[in-house]
C-alpha atoms as a PDB file:
ATOM      1  CA  MET A   1     -29.924  39.250 -17.538  1.00  0.00           C
ATOM      2  CA  SER A   2     -32.454  38.819 -20.380  1.00  0.00           C
ATOM      3  CA  THR A   3     -35.537  36.657 -20.063  1.00  0.00           C
ATOM      4  CA  ASN A   4     -34.318  34.195 -22.719  1.00  0.00           C
ATOM      5  CA  ASP A   5     -30.950  33.726 -21.017  1.00  0.00           C
ATOM      6  CA  ALA A   6     -32.617  33.259 -17.663  1.00  0.00           C
ATOM      7  CA  GLY A   7     -34.995  30.676 -19.092  1.00  0.00           C
ATOM      8  CA  ALA A   8     -32.194  28.665 -20.675  1.00  0.00           C
ATOM      9  CA  ASP A   9     -30.103  28.701 -17.506  1.00  0.00           C
ATOM     10  CA  ALA A  10     -33.016  27.665 -15.315  1.00  0.00           C
ATOM     11  CA  ALA A  11     -34.342  24.740 -17.347  1.00  0.00           C
ATOM     12  CA  LEU A  12     -32.397  22.304 -15.186  1.00  0.00           C
ATOM     13  CA  GLN A  13     -33.470  24.025 -11.994  1.00  0.00           C
ATOM     14  CA  PHE A  14     -37.125  23.780 -12.951  1.00  0.00           C
ATOM     15  CA  ASP A  15     -36.650  20.041 -13.528  1.00  0.00           C
ATOM     16  CA  ARG A  16     -35.882  19.678  -9.849  1.00  0.00           C
ATOM     17  CA  ALA A  17     -38.192  22.474  -8.673  1.00  0.00           C
ATOM     18  CA  GLU A  18     -35.290  24.205  -6.971  1.00  0.00           C
ATOM     19  CA  LEU A  19     -36.643  27.743  -7.436  1.00  0.00           C
ATOM     20  CA  ALA A  20     -38.365  29.247  -4.472  1.00  0.00           C
ATOM     21  CA  GLU A  21     -42.081  29.550  -5.072  1.00  0.00           C
ATOM     22  CA  ALA A  22     -43.250  33.134  -5.189  1.00  0.00           C
ATOM     23  CA  PRO A  23     -46.705  34.096  -3.966  1.00  0.00           C
ATOM     24  CA  ALA A  24     -49.233  33.465  -6.711  1.00  0.00           C
ATOM     25  CA  GLY A  25     -49.747  36.427  -8.981  1.00  0.00           C
ATOM     26  CA  VAL A  26     -47.052  38.589  -7.369  1.00  0.00           C
ATOM     27  CA  THR A  27     -43.504  37.785  -8.551  1.00  0.00           C
ATOM     28  CA  CYS A  28     -42.011  35.491 -11.182  1.00  0.00           C
ATOM     29  CA  GLY A  29     -39.863  32.896  -9.468  1.00  0.00           C
ATOM     30  CA  LEU A  30     -37.282  33.134 -12.268  1.00  0.00           C
ATOM     31  CA  CYS A  31     -36.791  36.748 -13.342  1.00  0.00           C
ATOM     32  CA  MET A  32     -38.225  38.134 -10.069  1.00  0.00           C
ATOM     33  CA  SER A  33     -40.331  40.674 -11.946  1.00  0.00           C
ATOM     34  CA  GLN A  34     -43.906  41.546 -11.077  1.00  0.00           C
ATOM     35  CA  VAL A  35     -46.510  39.448 -12.854  1.00  0.00           C
ATOM     36  CA  PRO A  36     -48.962  41.911 -14.462  1.00  0.00           C
ATOM     37  CA  ALA A  37     -51.952  39.825 -15.530  1.00  0.00           C
ATOM     38  CA  GLU A  38     -51.390  36.071 -15.690  1.00  0.00           C
ATOM     39  CA  TYR A  39     -48.784  33.526 -14.676  1.00  0.00           C
ATOM     40  CA  TYR A  40     -47.901  29.867 -15.067  1.00  0.00           C
ATOM     41  CA  GLN A  41     -46.575  27.219 -12.728  1.00  0.00           C
ATOM     42  CA  LEU A  42     -43.570  25.151 -13.813  1.00  0.00           C
ATOM     43  CA  ASN A  43     -43.256  22.192 -11.469  1.00  0.00           C
ATOM     44  CA  GLY A  44     -45.054  24.323  -8.900  1.00  0.00           C
ATOM     45  CA  ALA A  45     -42.828  27.407  -9.279  1.00  0.00           C
ATOM     46  CA  VAL A  46     -44.442  30.665 -10.435  1.00  0.00           C
ATOM     47  CA  ALA A  47     -43.288  31.932 -13.836  1.00  0.00           C
ATOM     48  CA  CYS A  48     -44.369  34.831 -15.990  1.00  0.00           C
ATOM     49  CA  PRO A  49     -45.419  34.049 -19.595  1.00  0.00           C
ATOM     50  CA  ALA A  50     -42.067  35.160 -21.050  1.00  0.00           C
ATOM     51  CA  CYS A  51     -40.052  32.963 -18.686  1.00  0.00           C
ATOM     52  CA  LYS A  52     -42.396  30.039 -19.274  1.00  0.00           C
ATOM     53  CA  ASP A  53     -41.886  30.303 -23.021  1.00  0.00           C
ATOM     54  CA  ALA A  54     -38.110  30.563 -22.599  1.00  0.00           C
ATOM     55  CA  VAL A  55     -37.903  27.483 -20.361  1.00  0.00           C
ATOM     56  CA  VAL A  56     -40.132  25.398 -22.633  1.00  0.00           C
ATOM     57  CA  ALA A  57     -38.072  26.444 -25.666  1.00  0.00           C
ATOM     58  CA  ALA A  58     -34.821  25.608 -23.880  1.00  0.00           C
ATOM     59  CA  ARG A  59     -36.086  22.121 -23.053  1.00  0.00           C
ATOM     60  CA  ALA A  60     -37.419  21.466 -26.554  1.00  0.00           C
ATOM     61  CA  GLY A  61     -34.412  22.849 -28.434  1.00  0.00           C
ATOM     62  CA  GLY A  62     -30.902  21.582 -28.880  1.00  0.00           C
ATOM     63  CA  SER A  63     -29.468  18.433 -30.450  1.00  0.00           C
ATOM     64  CA  ARG A  64     -29.720  15.024 -28.847  1.00  0.00           C
ATOM     65  CA  VAL A  65     -26.308  14.107 -30.229  1.00  0.00           C
ATOM     66  CA  ALA A  66     -24.809  17.225 -28.658  1.00  0.00           C
ATOM     67  CA  ARG A  67     -26.403  16.374 -25.320  1.00  0.00           C
ATOM     68  CA  VAL A  68     -25.093  12.803 -25.427  1.00  0.00           C
ATOM     69  CA  LEU A  69     -21.582  13.966 -26.328  1.00  0.00           C
ATOM     70  CA  GLY A  70     -21.747  16.613 -23.617  1.00  0.00           C
ATOM     71  CA  ALA A  71     -22.832  14.065 -21.034  1.00  0.00           C
ATOM     72  CA  LEU A  72     -20.072  11.690 -22.126  1.00  0.00           C
ATOM     73  CA  GLY A  73     -17.395  14.391 -22.123  1.00  0.00           C
ATOM     74  CA  LEU A  74     -18.217  15.917 -18.754  1.00  0.00           C
ATOM     75  CA  GLY A  75     -18.874  12.466 -17.333  1.00  0.00           C
ATOM     76  CA  LEU A  76     -15.428  11.267 -18.399  1.00  0.00           C
ATOM     77  CA  LEU A  77     -13.755  14.306 -16.870  1.00  0.00           C
ATOM     78  CA  ALA A  78     -15.673  13.776 -13.627  1.00  0.00           C
ATOM     79  CA  ALA A  79     -14.810  10.061 -13.648  1.00  0.00           C
ATOM     80  CA  ALA A  80     -11.096  10.801 -14.134  1.00  0.00           C
ATOM     81  CA  LEU A  81     -11.144  13.271 -11.258  1.00  0.00           C
ATOM     82  CA  GLY A  82     -13.138  10.884  -9.091  1.00  0.00           C
ATOM     83  CA  ALA A  83     -10.751   8.014  -9.858  1.00  0.00           C
ATOM     84  CA  ALA A  84      -7.744  10.151  -8.897  1.00  0.00           C
ATOM     85  CA  ILE A  85      -9.400  11.114  -5.602  1.00  0.00           C
ATOM     86  CA  TRP A  86     -10.480   7.539  -4.878  1.00  0.00           C
ATOM     87  CA  ILE A  87      -7.082   5.989  -5.657  1.00  0.00           C
ATOM     88  CA  GLY A  88      -5.244   8.637  -3.655  1.00  0.00           C
ATOM     89  CA  ILE A  89      -7.377   8.174  -0.547  1.00  0.00           C
ATOM     90  CA  VAL A  90      -7.380   4.365  -0.699  1.00  0.00           C
ATOM     91  CA  ARG A  91      -3.602   4.234  -1.090  1.00  0.00           C
ATOM     92  CA  ALA A  92      -3.044   6.808   1.643  1.00  0.00           C
ATOM     93  CA  THR A  93      -5.373   5.216   4.190  1.00  0.00           C
ATOM     94  CA  GLY A  94      -5.603   1.601   3.079  1.00  0.00           C
ATOM     95  CA  TYR A  95      -9.395   1.758   3.426  1.00  0.00           C
ATOM     96  CA  GLU A  96     -12.305   2.096   1.028  1.00  0.00           C
ATOM     97  CA  ILE A  97     -14.300   4.892   2.642  1.00  0.00           C
ATOM     98  CA  GLY A  98     -18.013   4.912   1.921  1.00  0.00           C
ATOM     99  CA  LEU A  99     -18.421   8.688   2.034  1.00  0.00           C
ATOM    100  CA  VAL A 100     -15.672   9.116  -0.545  1.00  0.00           C
ATOM    101  CA  ALA A 101     -17.364   6.569  -2.812  1.00  0.00           C
ATOM    102  CA  ILE A 102     -20.657   8.419  -2.509  1.00  0.00           C
ATOM    103  CA  GLY A 103     -18.826  11.633  -3.378  1.00  0.00           C
ATOM    104  CA  VAL A 104     -17.407   9.994  -6.519  1.00  0.00           C
ATOM    105  CA  GLY A 105     -20.902   8.890  -7.527  1.00  0.00           C
ATOM    106  CA  LEU A 106     -22.281  12.373  -6.989  1.00  0.00           C
ATOM    107  CA  LEU A 107     -19.410  13.935  -8.929  1.00  0.00           C
ATOM    108  CA  VAL A 108     -19.821  11.686 -11.952  1.00  0.00           C
ATOM    109  CA  GLY A 109     -23.612  11.876 -11.821  1.00  0.00           C
ATOM    110  CA  ALA A 110     -23.485  15.670 -11.716  1.00  0.00           C
ATOM    111  CA  GLY A 111     -21.110  15.745 -14.694  1.00  0.00           C
ATOM    112  CA  VAL A 112     -23.411  13.562 -16.783  1.00  0.00           C
ATOM    113  CA  ARG A 113     -26.473  15.570 -15.776  1.00  0.00           C
ATOM    114  CA  LYS A 114     -24.785  18.879 -16.547  1.00  0.00           C
ATOM    115  CA  GLY A 115     -23.621  17.663 -19.936  1.00  0.00           C
ATOM    116  CA  SER A 116     -27.071  16.350 -20.836  1.00  0.00           C
ATOM    117  CA  GLY A 117     -28.730  19.644 -20.013  1.00  0.00           C
ATOM    118  CA  GLY A 118     -30.600  18.062 -17.123  1.00  0.00           C
ATOM    119  CA  ARG A 119     -32.652  15.766 -19.341  1.00  0.00           C
ATOM    120  CA  GLY A 120     -32.215  12.622 -17.301  1.00  0.00           C
ATOM    121  CA  GLY A 121     -33.500   9.187 -18.257  1.00  0.00           C
ATOM    122  CA  TRP A 122     -32.358   5.578 -18.321  1.00  0.00           C
ATOM    123  CA  GLY A 123     -29.711   6.198 -21.008  1.00  0.00           C
ATOM    124  CA  TYR A 124     -27.974   8.910 -18.998  1.00  0.00           C
ATOM    125  CA  GLN A 125     -28.422   6.873 -15.838  1.00  0.00           C
ATOM    126  CA  ALA A 126     -26.674   3.900 -17.452  1.00  0.00           C
ATOM    127  CA  LEU A 127     -23.854   6.156 -18.657  1.00  0.00           C
ATOM    128  CA  ALA A 128     -23.407   7.607 -15.174  1.00  0.00           C
ATOM    129  CA  VAL A 129     -23.310   4.126 -13.624  1.00  0.00           C
ATOM    130  CA  VAL A 130     -20.719   2.815 -16.102  1.00  0.00           C
ATOM    131  CA  LEU A 131     -18.470   5.844 -15.652  1.00  0.00           C
ATOM    132  CA  THR A 132     -18.790   5.708 -11.874  1.00  0.00           C
ATOM    133  CA  TYR A 133     -17.918   2.005 -11.783  1.00  0.00           C
ATOM    134  CA  SER A 134     -14.961   2.653 -14.084  1.00  0.00           C
ATOM    135  CA  ALA A 135     -13.717   5.334 -11.708  1.00  0.00           C
ATOM    136  CA  MET A 136     -14.027   2.963  -8.756  1.00  0.00           C
ATOM    137  CA  VAL A 137     -12.244  -0.015 -10.345  1.00  0.00           C
ATOM    138  CA  ALA A 138      -9.439   2.112 -11.796  1.00  0.00           C
ATOM    139  CA  TYR A 139      -7.689   1.419  -8.487  1.00  0.00           C
ATOM    140  CA  TYR A 140      -7.130  -2.200  -9.566  1.00  0.00           C
ATOM    141  CA  VAL A 141      -5.630  -1.455 -12.995  1.00  0.00           C
ATOM    142  CA  PRO A 142      -1.958  -1.108 -11.890  1.00  0.00           C
ATOM    143  CA  PHE A 143      -2.199  -4.365  -9.939  1.00  0.00           C
ATOM    144  CA  VAL A 144      -3.745  -6.174 -12.914  1.00  0.00           C
ATOM    145  CA  ILE A 145      -0.996  -4.946 -15.256  1.00  0.00           C
ATOM    146  CA  GLU A 146       1.724  -5.972 -12.816  1.00  0.00           C
ATOM    147  CA  GLY A 147       0.172  -9.400 -12.371  1.00  0.00           C
ATOM    148  CA  LEU A 148      -0.067  -9.958 -16.128  1.00  0.00           C
ATOM    149  CA  ARG A 149       3.543  -8.829 -16.592  1.00  0.00           C
ATOM    150  CA  LYS A 150       4.831 -11.248 -13.972  1.00  0.00           C
ATOM    151  CA  GLY A 151       2.753 -14.045 -15.444  1.00  0.00           C
ATOM    152  CA  ALA A 152       4.198 -13.413 -18.920  1.00  0.00           C
ATOM    153  CA  GLU A 153       7.752 -13.428 -17.527  1.00  0.00           C
ATOM    154  CA  GLU A 154       7.198 -16.717 -15.720  1.00  0.00           C
ATOM    155  CA  GLN A 155       5.722 -18.262 -18.858  1.00  0.00           C
ATOM    156  CA  ALA A 156       8.698 -17.099 -20.927  1.00  0.00           C
ATOM    157  CA  LYS A 157      11.155 -18.593 -18.431  1.00  0.00           C
ATOM    158  CA  THR A 158       9.280 -21.891 -18.439  1.00  0.00           C
ATOM    159  CA  GLU A 159       9.243 -22.070 -22.229  1.00  0.00           C
ATOM    160  CA  ALA A 160      12.959 -21.173 -22.409  1.00  0.00           C
ATOM    161  CA  ALA A 161      13.851 -23.901 -19.916  1.00  0.00           C
ATOM    162  CA  ALA A 162      11.797 -26.462 -21.837  1.00  0.00           C
ATOM    163  CA  ALA A 163      13.437 -25.523 -25.131  1.00  0.00           C
ATOM    164  CA  ALA A 164      17.009 -25.608 -23.746  1.00  0.00           C
ATOM    165  CA  PRO A 165      19.170 -28.305 -25.491  1.00  0.00           C
ATOM    166  CA  SER A 166      20.621 -31.244 -23.572  1.00  0.00           C
ATOM    167  CA  PRO A 167      24.363 -31.207 -22.675  1.00  0.00           C
ATOM    168  CA  ALA A 168      26.648 -32.153 -25.604  1.00  0.00           C
ATOM    169  CA  SER A 169      30.356 -32.720 -26.213  1.00  0.00           C
ATOM    170  CA  PRO A 170      32.684 -29.669 -26.314  1.00  0.00           C
ATOM    171  CA  ALA A 171      33.100 -29.883 -30.091  1.00  0.00           C
ATOM    172  CA  VAL A 172      29.384 -30.100 -30.730  1.00  0.00           C
ATOM    173  CA  ALA A 173      28.761 -27.264 -28.251  1.00  0.00           C
ATOM    174  CA  ALA A 174      31.342 -25.026 -29.973  1.00  0.00           C
ATOM    175  CA  SER A 175      29.807 -25.708 -33.383  1.00  0.00           C
ATOM    176  CA  ALA A 176      26.307 -24.998 -32.057  1.00  0.00           C
ATOM    177  CA  ALA A 177      27.483 -21.766 -30.420  1.00  0.00           C
ATOM    178  CA  THR A 178      29.043 -20.597 -33.710  1.00  0.00           C
ATOM    179  CA  SER A 179      25.864 -21.404 -35.609  1.00  0.00           C
ATOM    180  CA  ALA A 180      23.662 -19.716 -32.972  1.00  0.00           C
ATOM    181  CA  GLY A 181      25.874 -16.633 -33.045  1.00  0.00           C
ATOM    182  CA  GLY A 182      25.393 -16.329 -36.775  1.00  0.00           C
ATOM    183  CA  GLU A 183      21.670 -16.752 -36.444  1.00  0.00           C
ATOM    184  CA  ARG A 184      21.459 -14.092 -33.719  1.00  0.00           C
ATOM    185  CA  ALA A 185      23.441 -11.670 -35.855  1.00  0.00           C
ATOM    186  CA  GLY A 186      21.065 -12.227 -38.743  1.00  0.00           C
ATOM    187  CA  ALA A 187      18.061 -11.822 -36.467  1.00  0.00           C
ATOM    188  CA  ARG A 188      19.392  -8.529 -35.122  1.00  0.00           C
ATOM    189  CA  ALA A 189      19.721  -7.282 -38.676  1.00  0.00           C
ATOM    190  CA  GLU A 190      15.997  -7.610 -39.137  1.00  0.00           C
ATOM    191  CA  ALA A 191      13.780  -4.971 -37.559  1.00  0.00           C
ATOM    192  CA  ASP A 192      11.414  -6.116 -34.859  1.00  0.00           C
ATOM    193  CA  PRO A 193       7.860  -6.317 -36.200  1.00  0.00           C
ATOM    194  CA  PRO A 194       5.630  -3.514 -34.911  1.00  0.00           C
ATOM    195  CA  VAL A 195       2.967  -4.322 -32.372  1.00  0.00           C
ATOM    196  CA  SER A 196      -0.394  -4.400 -34.133  1.00  0.00           C
ATOM    197  CA  ALA A 197      -3.307  -2.267 -33.018  1.00  0.00           C
ATOM    198  CA  GLY A 198      -5.338  -5.428 -32.575  1.00  0.00           C
ATOM    199  CA  LYS A 199      -2.929  -6.784 -29.971  1.00  0.00           C
ATOM    200  CA  VAL A 200      -2.960  -3.486 -28.103  1.00  0.00           C
ATOM    201  CA  ALA A 201      -6.755  -3.413 -28.127  1.00  0.00           C
ATOM    202  CA  LEU A 202      -6.889  -7.020 -26.935  1.00  0.00           C
ATOM    203  CA  ALA A 203      -4.461  -6.304 -24.097  1.00  0.00           C
ATOM    204  CA  LEU A 204      -6.484  -3.268 -23.007  1.00  0.00           C
ATOM    205  CA  ALA A 205      -9.682  -5.323 -23.129  1.00  0.00           C
ATOM    206  CA  VAL A 206      -8.129  -8.024 -20.951  1.00  0.00           C
ATOM    207  CA  VAL A 207      -6.908  -5.467 -18.408  1.00  0.00           C
ATOM    208  CA  ALA A 208     -10.295  -3.740 -18.328  1.00  0.00           C
ATOM    209  CA  GLY A 209     -12.168  -7.027 -18.015  1.00  0.00           C
ATOM    210  CA  ILE A 210     -10.080  -8.215 -15.067  1.00  0.00           C
ATOM    211  CA  ALA A 211     -10.292  -4.805 -13.366  1.00  0.00           C
ATOM    212  CA  PHE A 212     -14.081  -4.711 -13.761  1.00  0.00           C
ATOM    213  CA  ALA A 213     -14.375  -8.184 -12.269  1.00  0.00           C
ATOM    214  CA  ALA A 214     -11.821  -7.582  -9.501  1.00  0.00           C
ATOM    215  CA  PRO A 215     -14.253  -6.375  -6.780  1.00  0.00           C
ATOM    216  CA  PHE A 216     -16.216  -9.631  -7.093  1.00  0.00           C
ATOM    217  CA  LEU A 217     -13.315 -12.070  -7.385  1.00  0.00           C
ATOM    218  CA  ALA A 218     -12.770 -12.108  -3.622  1.00  0.00           C
ATOM    219  CA  GLY A 219     -16.387 -13.096  -3.035  1.00  0.00           C
ATOM    220  CA  ALA A 220     -17.786 -12.608   0.453  1.00  0.00           C
ATOM    221  CA  GLU A 221     -14.422 -11.378   1.727  1.00  0.00           C
ATOM    222  CA  ASN A 222     -14.953  -8.125  -0.185  1.00  0.00           C
ATOM    223  CA  LEU A 223     -18.623  -7.725   0.724  1.00  0.00           C
ATOM    224  CA  ILE A 224     -18.057  -4.313   2.307  1.00  0.00           C
ATOM    225  CA  GLY A 225     -16.176  -3.086  -0.754  1.00  0.00           C
ATOM    226  CA  ILE A 226     -18.979  -4.262  -3.037  1.00  0.00           C
ATOM    227  CA  LEU A 227     -21.580  -2.472  -0.918  1.00  0.00           C
ATOM    228  CA  ILE A 228     -19.531   0.735  -1.006  1.00  0.00           C
ATOM    229  CA  ILE A 229     -19.374   0.569  -4.801  1.00  0.00           C
ATOM    230  CA  LEU A 230     -23.136  -0.021  -4.956  1.00  0.00           C
ATOM    231  CA  PHE A 231     -23.700   3.119  -2.849  1.00  0.00           C
ATOM    232  CA  ALA A 232     -21.688   5.154  -5.352  1.00  0.00           C
ATOM    233  CA  LEU A 233     -23.557   3.669  -8.311  1.00  0.00           C
ATOM    234  CA  TYR A 234     -26.901   4.426  -6.711  1.00  0.00           C
ATOM    235  CA  GLU A 235     -26.024   8.083  -6.222  1.00  0.00           C
ATOM    236  CA  ALA A 236     -24.998   8.445  -9.866  1.00  0.00           C
ATOM    237  CA  TRP A 237     -28.160   6.645 -10.992  1.00  0.00           C
ATOM    238  CA  LYS A 238     -30.466   8.681  -8.783  1.00  0.00           C
ATOM    239  CA  LEU A 239     -28.998  12.010  -9.837  1.00  0.00           C
ATOM    240  CA  ASN A 240     -29.823  11.326 -13.490  1.00  0.00           C
ATOM    241  CA  LYS A 241     -33.383  10.170 -12.966  1.00  0.00           C
ATOM    242  CA  ARG A 242     -35.796  11.827 -15.363  1.00  0.00           C
ATOM    243  CA  GLN A 243     -37.865  14.406 -13.542  1.00  0.00           C
ATOM    244  CA  PRO A 244     -41.396  15.298 -14.694  1.00  0.00           C
ATOM    245  CA  PHE A 245     -41.836  18.729 -16.211  1.00  0.00           C
ATOM    246  CA  VAL A 246     -45.343  20.007 -15.586  1.00  0.00           C
ATOM    247  CA  VAL A 247     -46.625  23.286 -16.983  1.00  0.00           C
ATOM    248  CA  ALA A 248     -49.868  24.503 -15.432  1.00  0.00           C
ATOM    249  CA  GLY A 249     -51.809  27.618 -16.353  1.00  0.00           C
ATOM    250  CA  PRO A 250     -52.357  30.275 -17.297  1.00  0.00           C
ATOM    251  CA  PHE A 251     -53.753  31.599 -14.044  1.00  0.00           C
ATOM    252  CA  GLN A 252     -55.159  35.060 -13.712  1.00  0.00           C
ATOM    253  CA  VAL A 253     -53.697  37.495 -11.223  1.00  0.00           C
ATOM    254  CA  ALA A 254     -56.274  38.501  -8.637  1.00  0.00           C
ATOM    255  CA  PRO A 255     -56.938  42.256  -8.401  1.00  0.00           C
ATOM    256  CA  ALA A 256     -55.125  43.981  -5.566  1.00  0.00           C
ATOM    257  CA  GLU A 257     -58.396  45.132  -4.098  1.00  0.00           C
ATOM    258  CA  ALA A 258     -59.756  41.613  -3.960  1.00  0.00           C
ATOM    259  CA  ALA A 259     -56.552  40.271  -2.506  1.00  0.00           C
ATOM    260  CA  SER A 260     -56.524  42.875   0.280  1.00  0.00           C
ATOM    261  CA  ALA A 261     -60.248  42.780   1.072  1.00  0.00           C
ATOM    262  CA  PRO A 262     -61.138  41.057   4.333  1.00  0.00           C
ATOM    263  CA  ALA A 263     -62.914  37.751   4.123  1.00  0.00           C
ATOM    264  CA  PRO A 264     -66.693  38.049   4.699  1.00  0.00           C
ATOM    265  CA  SER A 265     -67.921  36.911   8.060  1.00  0.00           C
ATOM    266  CA  PRO A 266     -70.153  33.827   8.066  1.00  0.00           C
END
């Protein structure tokens, strides 16, 4: 693997100082090659000059728009997978399990962080929290839709009963039936008007709004469920926290003779 490729792949790892620290002046913690003369420290990990330059270039390069789109895309995929796992387990067990919620938060947070190239920051944290919460409340969406459907049916029945005509004589009823039949035939001849995009968007907004508010509608009775959701949100938020990137050096490699010489006695 080339030094440039290794530097690009390890930019995220250096953010979290995940590389094992090599002894100073001996081995680069990234490419594992011997450091000949001088070295740097990236978040405390030893790096040769070439690897340091590659990591710094990888962090400075790239497009912000591409990182945001990457974070959104991978975050959405992770949220969809997390929602499927969460809904399946809740429906199978009947319980909202805290460890599963934490796993959903970690999954979505990792997707956002991977897509952003490990940048981190409040913007990516907010994105991870919104996607995680969306994955958690997706469980309520089918119930919200069913409730709205039943409510619309009941309203239609009530309006139909209120608009029903009062009983009339047989002759009047026959005349009204003939007239209504003609009107229905004419109405069937006309095509039903298409549903506008605005109505669809409004319906989706209503469903999403109710689903987002659902965990809090039960109040104190759903306190445990609210706490579980907060655990998941915290994990997604924490995983996308911006980590400091500190470059120290250069430091000179001590000569082998000096390194192996015994310390002078006092």
